[in-house]
Amino acid sequence: MAQLIRRAGAVLTVTLLLGGCYESPDVTLHEPGEYKGPDDPFLEKAADPEHQEQLQQRLARGQTDR
């Protein structure tokens, strides 16, 4: 009986260890320079000349971490 329990424990351990090696077959192919994610709400804001001017003024003052 003890040998059966040890053997079942060894099988369970091996099963758990091999289960951790599983790798999802999902592959996402990315192409350089092509964003395929959801729409970016900040993209329109970045093209706004007023926003660009604000960024230039902030950069001229000196960029800080805060």
PDB file of N, CA and C in Angstrom:
ATOM      1  N   MET A   1       0.819  -1.191   0.000  1.00  0.00           N
ATOM      2  CA  MET A   1       0.000   0.000   0.000  1.00  0.00           C
ATOM      3  C   MET A   1       0.866   1.259   0.000  1.00  0.00           C
ATOM      4  N   ALA A   2       1.926   1.247   0.798  1.00  0.00           N
ATOM      5  CA  ALA A   2       2.817   2.404   0.865  1.00  0.00           C
ATOM      6  C   ALA A   2       3.499   2.636  -0.486  1.00  0.00           C
ATOM      7  N   GLN A   3       3.830   1.530  -1.166  1.00  0.00           N
ATOM      8  CA  GLN A   3       4.471   1.659  -2.471  1.00  0.00           C
ATOM      9  C   GLN A   3       3.504   2.279  -3.480  1.00  0.00           C
ATOM     10  N   LEU A   4       2.245   1.959  -3.394  1.00  0.00           N
ATOM     11  CA  LEU A   4       1.234   2.517  -4.275  1.00  0.00           C
ATOM     12  C   LEU A   4       1.092   4.024  -4.039  1.00  0.00           C
ATOM     13  N   ILE A   5       1.112   4.433  -2.791  1.00  0.00           N
ATOM     14  CA  ILE A   5       1.011   5.856  -2.452  1.00  0.00           C
ATOM     15  C   ILE A   5       2.234   6.610  -2.963  1.00  0.00           C
ATOM     16  N   ARG A   6       3.430   6.016  -2.783  1.00  0.00           N
ATOM     17  CA  ARG A   6       4.661   6.661  -3.281  1.00  0.00           C
ATOM     18  C   ARG A   6       4.627   6.788  -4.799  1.00  0.00           C
ATOM     19  N   ARG A   7       4.169   5.723  -5.466  1.00  0.00           N
ATOM     20  CA  ARG A   7       4.115   5.743  -6.926  1.00  0.00           C
ATOM     21  C   ARG A   7       3.100   6.797  -7.406  1.00  0.00           C
ATOM     22  N   ALA A   8       1.941   6.885  -6.747  1.00  0.00           N
ATOM     23  CA  ALA A   8       0.940   7.892  -7.108  1.00  0.00           C
ATOM     24  C   ALA A   8       1.485   9.300  -6.851  1.00  0.00           C
ATOM     25  N   GLY A   9       2.224   9.479  -5.763  1.00  0.00           N
ATOM     26  CA  GLY A   9       2.840  10.778  -5.470  1.00  0.00           C
ATOM     27  C   GLY A   9       3.871  11.147  -6.517  1.00  0.00           C
ATOM     28  N   ALA A  10       4.649  10.166  -6.965  1.00  0.00           N
ATOM     29  CA  ALA A  10       5.658  10.436  -7.993  1.00  0.00           C
ATOM     30  C   ALA A  10       4.991  10.809  -9.311  1.00  0.00           C
ATOM     31  N   VAL A  11       3.919  10.118  -9.664  1.00  0.00           N
ATOM     32  CA  VAL A  11       3.193  10.428 -10.902  1.00  0.00           C
ATOM     33  C   VAL A  11       2.585  11.826 -10.804  1.00  0.00           C
ATOM     34  N   LEU A  12       2.019  12.152  -9.662  1.00  0.00           N
ATOM     35  CA  LEU A  12       1.439  13.481  -9.462  1.00  0.00           C
ATOM     36  C   LEU A  12       2.513  14.567  -9.557  1.00  0.00           C
ATOM     37  N   THR A  13       3.664  14.326  -8.957  1.00  0.00           N
ATOM     38  CA  THR A  13       4.760  15.300  -8.996  1.00  0.00           C
ATOM     39  C   THR A  13       5.238  15.514 -10.430  1.00  0.00           C
ATOM     40  N   VAL A  14       5.446  14.450 -11.154  1.00  0.00           N
ATOM     41  CA  VAL A  14       5.897  14.554 -12.546  1.00  0.00           C
ATOM     42  C   VAL A  14       4.851  15.287 -13.389  1.00  0.00           C
ATOM     43  N   THR A  15       3.584  14.981 -13.152  1.00  0.00           N
ATOM     44  CA  THR A  15       2.510  15.646 -13.897  1.00  0.00           C
ATOM     45  C   THR A  15       2.516  17.141 -13.626  1.00  0.00           C
ATOM     46  N   LEU A  16       2.677  17.535 -12.372  1.00  0.00           N
ATOM     47  CA  LEU A  16       2.705  18.950 -12.042  1.00  0.00           C
ATOM     48  C   LEU A  16       3.929  19.653 -12.628  1.00  0.00           C
ATOM     49  N   LEU A  17       5.073  18.988 -12.581  1.00  0.00           N
ATOM     50  CA  LEU A  17       6.294  19.587 -13.133  1.00  0.00           C
ATOM     51  C   LEU A  17       6.192  19.755 -14.652  1.00  0.00           C
ATOM     52  N   LEU A  18       5.659  18.753 -15.333  1.00  0.00           N
ATOM     53  CA  LEU A  18       5.522  18.861 -16.781  1.00  0.00           C
ATOM     54  C   LEU A  18       4.432  19.857 -17.158  1.00  0.00           C
ATOM     55  N   GLY A  19       3.448  20.018 -16.330  1.00  0.00           N
ATOM     56  CA  GLY A  19       2.395  21.002 -16.584  1.00  0.00           C
ATOM     57  C   GLY A  19       2.936  22.413 -16.552  1.00  0.00           C
ATOM     58  N   GLY A  20       3.967  22.650 -15.777  1.00  0.00           N
ATOM     59  CA  GLY A  20       4.591  23.969 -15.703  1.00  0.00           C
ATOM     60  C   GLY A  20       5.399  24.307 -16.946  1.00  0.00           C
ATOM     61  N   CYS A  21       5.675  23.322 -17.772  1.00  0.00           N
ATOM     62  CA  CYS A  21       6.457  23.547 -18.986  1.00  0.00           C
ATOM     63  C   CYS A  21       5.575  23.887 -20.175  1.00  0.00           C
ATOM     64  N   TYR A  22       4.273  23.946 -19.970  1.00  0.00           N
ATOM     65  CA  TYR A  22       3.349  24.208 -21.067  1.00  0.00           C
ATOM     66  C   TYR A  22       3.547  25.620 -21.598  1.00  0.00           C
ATOM     67  N   GLU A  23       3.574  25.754 -22.912  1.00  0.00           N
ATOM     68  CA  GLU A  23       3.687  27.059 -23.550  1.00  0.00           C
ATOM     69  C   GLU A  23       2.534  27.221 -24.525  1.00  0.00           C
ATOM     70  N   SER A  24       1.836  28.314 -24.410  1.00  0.00           N
ATOM     71  CA  SER A  24       0.685  28.553 -25.262  1.00  0.00           C
ATOM     72  C   SER A  24       1.116  28.642 -26.724  1.00  0.00           C
ATOM     73  N   PRO A  25       0.377  28.009 -27.632  1.00  0.00           N
ATOM     74  CA  PRO A  25       0.740  28.074 -29.053  1.00  0.00           C
ATOM     75  C   PRO A  25       0.305  29.383 -29.709  1.00  0.00           C
ATOM     76  N   ASP A  26      -0.280  30.296 -28.944  1.00  0.00           N
ATOM     77  CA  ASP A  26      -0.702  31.587 -29.483  1.00  0.00           C
ATOM     78  C   ASP A  26       0.515  32.405 -29.908  1.00  0.00           C
ATOM     79  N   VAL A  27       0.550  32.811 -31.146  1.00  0.00           N
ATOM     80  CA  VAL A  27       1.662  33.604 -31.652  1.00  0.00           C
ATOM     81  C   VAL A  27       1.108  34.881 -32.266  1.00  0.00           C
ATOM     82  N   THR A  28       1.671  36.011 -31.876  1.00  0.00           N
ATOM     83  CA  THR A  28       1.273  37.284 -32.454  1.00  0.00           C
ATOM     84  C   THR A  28       2.424  37.785 -33.310  1.00  0.00           C
ATOM     85  N   LEU A  29       2.166  37.964 -34.574  1.00  0.00           N
ATOM     86  CA  LEU A  29       3.198  38.459 -35.476  1.00  0.00           C
ATOM     87  C   LEU A  29       3.104  39.978 -35.546  1.00  0.00           C
ATOM     88  N   HIS A  30       4.211  40.635 -35.296  1.00  0.00           N
ATOM     89  CA  HIS A  30       4.271  42.095 -35.338  1.00  0.00           C
ATOM     90  C   HIS A  30       5.083  42.537 -36.538  1.00  0.00           C
ATOM     91  N   GLU A  31       4.636  43.599 -37.166  1.00  0.00           N
ATOM     92  CA  GLU A  31       5.369  44.154 -38.292  1.00  0.00           C
ATOM     93  C   GLU A  31       5.932  45.501 -37.861  1.00  0.00           C
ATOM     94  N   PRO A  32       7.177  45.797 -38.214  1.00  0.00           N
ATOM     95  CA  PRO A  32       7.781  47.056 -37.790  1.00  0.00           C
ATOM     96  C   PRO A  32       7.033  48.261 -38.352  1.00  0.00           C
ATOM     97  N   GLY A  33       6.801  49.244 -37.497  1.00  0.00           N
ATOM     98  CA  GLY A  33       6.169  50.484 -37.924  1.00  0.00           C
ATOM     99  C   GLY A  33       4.672  50.399 -38.103  1.00  0.00           C
ATOM    100  N   GLU A  34       4.067  49.312 -37.687  1.00  0.00           N
ATOM    101  CA  GLU A  34       2.629  49.139 -37.879  1.00  0.00           C
ATOM    102  C   GLU A  34       1.985  48.773 -36.553  1.00  0.00           C
ATOM    103  N   TYR A  35       1.208  49.704 -35.983  1.00  0.00           N
ATOM    104  CA  TYR A  35       0.532  49.474 -34.711  1.00  0.00           C
ATOM    105  C   TYR A  35      -0.803  48.800 -34.963  1.00  0.00           C
ATOM    106  N   LYS A  36      -1.008  47.646 -34.369  1.00  0.00           N
ATOM    107  CA  LYS A  36      -2.236  46.893 -34.599  1.00  0.00           C
ATOM    108  C   LYS A  36      -3.104  46.822 -33.353  1.00  0.00           C
ATOM    109  N   GLY A  37      -2.801  47.639 -32.366  1.00  0.00           N
ATOM    110  CA  GLY A  37      -3.574  47.621 -31.129  1.00  0.00           C
ATOM    111  C   GLY A  37      -4.831  48.454 -31.245  1.00  0.00           C
ATOM    112  N   PRO A  38      -5.519  48.649 -30.113  1.00  0.00           N
ATOM    113  CA  PRO A  38      -6.737  49.462 -30.128  1.00  0.00           C
ATOM    114  C   PRO A  38      -6.410  50.925 -30.448  1.00  0.00           C
ATOM    115  N   ASP A  39      -7.433  51.678 -30.826  1.00  0.00           N
ATOM    116  CA  ASP A  39      -7.224  53.090 -31.152  1.00  0.00           C
ATOM    117  C   ASP A  39      -6.615  53.833 -29.965  1.00  0.00           C
ATOM    118  N   ASP A  40      -5.657  54.678 -30.253  1.00  0.00           N
ATOM    119  CA  ASP A  40      -4.968  55.443 -29.223  1.00  0.00           C
ATOM    120  C   ASP A  40      -5.604  56.831 -29.122  1.00  0.00           C
ATOM    121  N   PRO A  41      -6.238  57.167 -27.990  1.00  0.00           N
ATOM    122  CA  PRO A  41      -6.906  58.468 -27.888  1.00  0.00           C
ATOM    123  C   PRO A  41      -5.915  59.637 -27.858  1.00  0.00           C
ATOM    124  N   PHE A  42      -4.675  59.382 -27.540  1.00  0.00           N
ATOM    125  CA  PHE A  42      -3.688  60.454 -27.458  1.00  0.00           C
ATOM    126  C   PHE A  42      -3.053  60.776 -28.804  1.00  0.00           C
ATOM    127  N   LEU A  43      -3.293  59.937 -29.796  1.00  0.00           N
ATOM    128  CA  LEU A  43      -2.702  60.157 -31.111  1.00  0.00           C
ATOM    129  C   LEU A  43      -3.232  61.434 -31.744  1.00  0.00           C
ATOM    130  N   GLU A  44      -4.540  61.677 -31.632  1.00  0.00           N
ATOM    131  CA  GLU A  44      -5.114  62.908 -32.180  1.00  0.00           C
ATOM    132  C   GLU A  44      -4.597  64.124 -31.411  1.00  0.00           C
ATOM    133  N   LYS A  45      -4.456  63.977 -30.107  1.00  0.00           N
ATOM    134  CA  LYS A  45      -3.981  65.084 -29.279  1.00  0.00           C
ATOM    135  C   LYS A  45      -2.529  65.442 -29.647  1.00  0.00           C
ATOM    136  N   ALA A  46      -1.724  64.450 -29.972  1.00  0.00           N
ATOM    137  CA  ALA A  46      -0.323  64.690 -30.308  1.00  0.00           C
ATOM    138  C   ALA A  46      -0.191  65.460 -31.622  1.00  0.00           C
ATOM    139  N   ALA A  47      -1.158  65.333 -32.506  1.00  0.00           N
ATOM    140  CA  ALA A  47      -1.099  66.031 -33.795  1.00  0.00           C
ATOM    141  C   ALA A  47      -1.578  67.477 -33.687  1.00  0.00           C
ATOM    142  N   ASP A  48      -2.172  67.856 -32.565  1.00  0.00           N
ATOM    143  CA  ASP A  48      -2.695  69.202 -32.360  1.00  0.00           C
ATOM    144  C   ASP A  48      -1.528  70.197 -32.201  1.00  0.00           C
ATOM    145  N   PRO A  49      -1.459  71.273 -33.024  1.00  0.00           N
ATOM    146  CA  PRO A  49      -0.354  72.241 -32.931  1.00  0.00           C
ATOM    147  C   PRO A  49      -0.266  72.917 -31.552  1.00  0.00           C
ATOM    148  N   GLU A  50      -1.402  73.167 -30.924  1.00  0.00           N
ATOM    149  CA  GLU A  50      -1.390  73.789 -29.593  1.00  0.00           C
ATOM    150  C   GLU A  50      -0.729  72.863 -28.575  1.00  0.00           C
ATOM    151  N   HIS A  51      -1.023  71.593 -28.682  1.00  0.00           N
ATOM    152  CA  HIS A  51      -0.414  70.609 -27.784  1.00  0.00           C
ATOM    153  C   HIS A  51       1.101  70.522 -28.023  1.00  0.00           C
ATOM    154  N   GLN A  52       1.501  70.568 -29.290  1.00  0.00           N
ATOM    155  CA  GLN A  52       2.923  70.538 -29.621  1.00  0.00           C
ATOM    156  C   GLN A  52       3.649  71.744 -29.023  1.00  0.00           C
ATOM    157  N   GLU A  53       3.005  72.909 -29.078  1.00  0.00           N
ATOM    158  CA  GLU A  53       3.594  74.119 -28.504  1.00  0.00           C
ATOM    159  C   GLU A  53       3.762  73.984 -26.989  1.00  0.00           C
ATOM    160  N   GLN A  54       2.759  73.425 -26.324  1.00  0.00           N
ATOM    161  CA  GLN A  54       2.855  73.208 -24.878  1.00  0.00           C
ATOM    162  C   GLN A  54       4.013  72.270 -24.546  1.00  0.00           C
ATOM    163  N   LEU A  55       4.172  71.232 -25.344  1.00  0.00           N
ATOM    164  CA  LEU A  55       5.272  70.292 -25.113  1.00  0.00           C
ATOM    165  C   LEU A  55       6.628  70.962 -25.327  1.00  0.00           C
ATOM    166  N   GLN A  56       6.735  71.801 -26.355  1.00  0.00           N
ATOM    167  CA  GLN A  56       7.994  72.505 -26.610  1.00  0.00           C
ATOM    168  C   GLN A  56       8.333  73.454 -25.467  1.00  0.00           C
ATOM    169  N   GLN A  57       7.325  74.153 -24.934  1.00  0.00           N
ATOM    170  CA  GLN A  57       7.564  75.053 -23.807  1.00  0.00           C
ATOM    171  C   GLN A  57       8.009  74.269 -22.571  1.00  0.00           C
ATOM    172  N   ARG A  58       7.382  73.146 -22.330  1.00  0.00           N
ATOM    173  CA  ARG A  58       7.746  72.323 -21.178  1.00  0.00           C
ATOM    174  C   ARG A  58       9.176  71.800 -21.327  1.00  0.00           C
ATOM    175  N   LEU A  59       9.532  71.406 -22.543  1.00  0.00           N
ATOM    176  CA  LEU A  59      10.883  70.900 -22.788  1.00  0.00           C
ATOM    177  C   LEU A  59      11.915  72.018 -22.658  1.00  0.00           C
ATOM    178  N   ALA A  60      11.564  73.234 -23.053  1.00  0.00           N
ATOM    179  CA  ALA A  60      12.487  74.366 -22.958  1.00  0.00           C
ATOM    180  C   ALA A  60      12.775  74.717 -21.498  1.00  0.00           C
ATOM    181  N   ARG A  61      11.792  74.521 -20.616  1.00  0.00           N
ATOM    182  CA  ARG A  61      11.997  74.797 -19.187  1.00  0.00           C
ATOM    183  C   ARG A  61      12.919  73.785 -18.557  1.00  0.00           C
ATOM    184  N   GLY A  62      13.071  72.666 -19.169  1.00  0.00           N
ATOM    185  CA  GLY A  62      13.901  71.606 -18.617  1.00  0.00           C
ATOM    186  C   GLY A  62      13.031  70.478 -18.117  1.00  0.00           C
ATOM    187  N   GLN A  63      13.207  69.335 -18.673  1.00  0.00           N
ATOM    188  CA  GLN A  63      12.374  68.202 -18.315  1.00  0.00           C
ATOM    189  C   GLN A  63      12.858  67.612 -17.000  1.00  0.00           C
ATOM    190  N   THR A  64      11.930  67.350 -16.103  1.00  0.00           N
ATOM    191  CA  THR A  64      12.279  66.756 -14.803  1.00  0.00           C
ATOM    192  C   THR A  64      11.469  65.483 -14.613  1.00  0.00           C
ATOM    193  N   ASP A  65      11.727  64.794 -13.532  1.00  0.00           N
ATOM    194  CA  ASP A  65      11.004  63.556 -13.272  1.00  0.00           C
ATOM    195  C   ASP A  65       9.671  63.801 -12.568  1.00  0.00           C
ATOM    196  N   ARG A  66       9.367  65.012 -12.220  1.00  0.00           N
ATOM    197  CA  ARG A  66       8.080  65.317 -11.559  1.00  0.00           C
ATOM    198  C   ARG A  66       7.305  66.322 -12.333  1.00  0.00           C
TER     199      ARG A  66
END
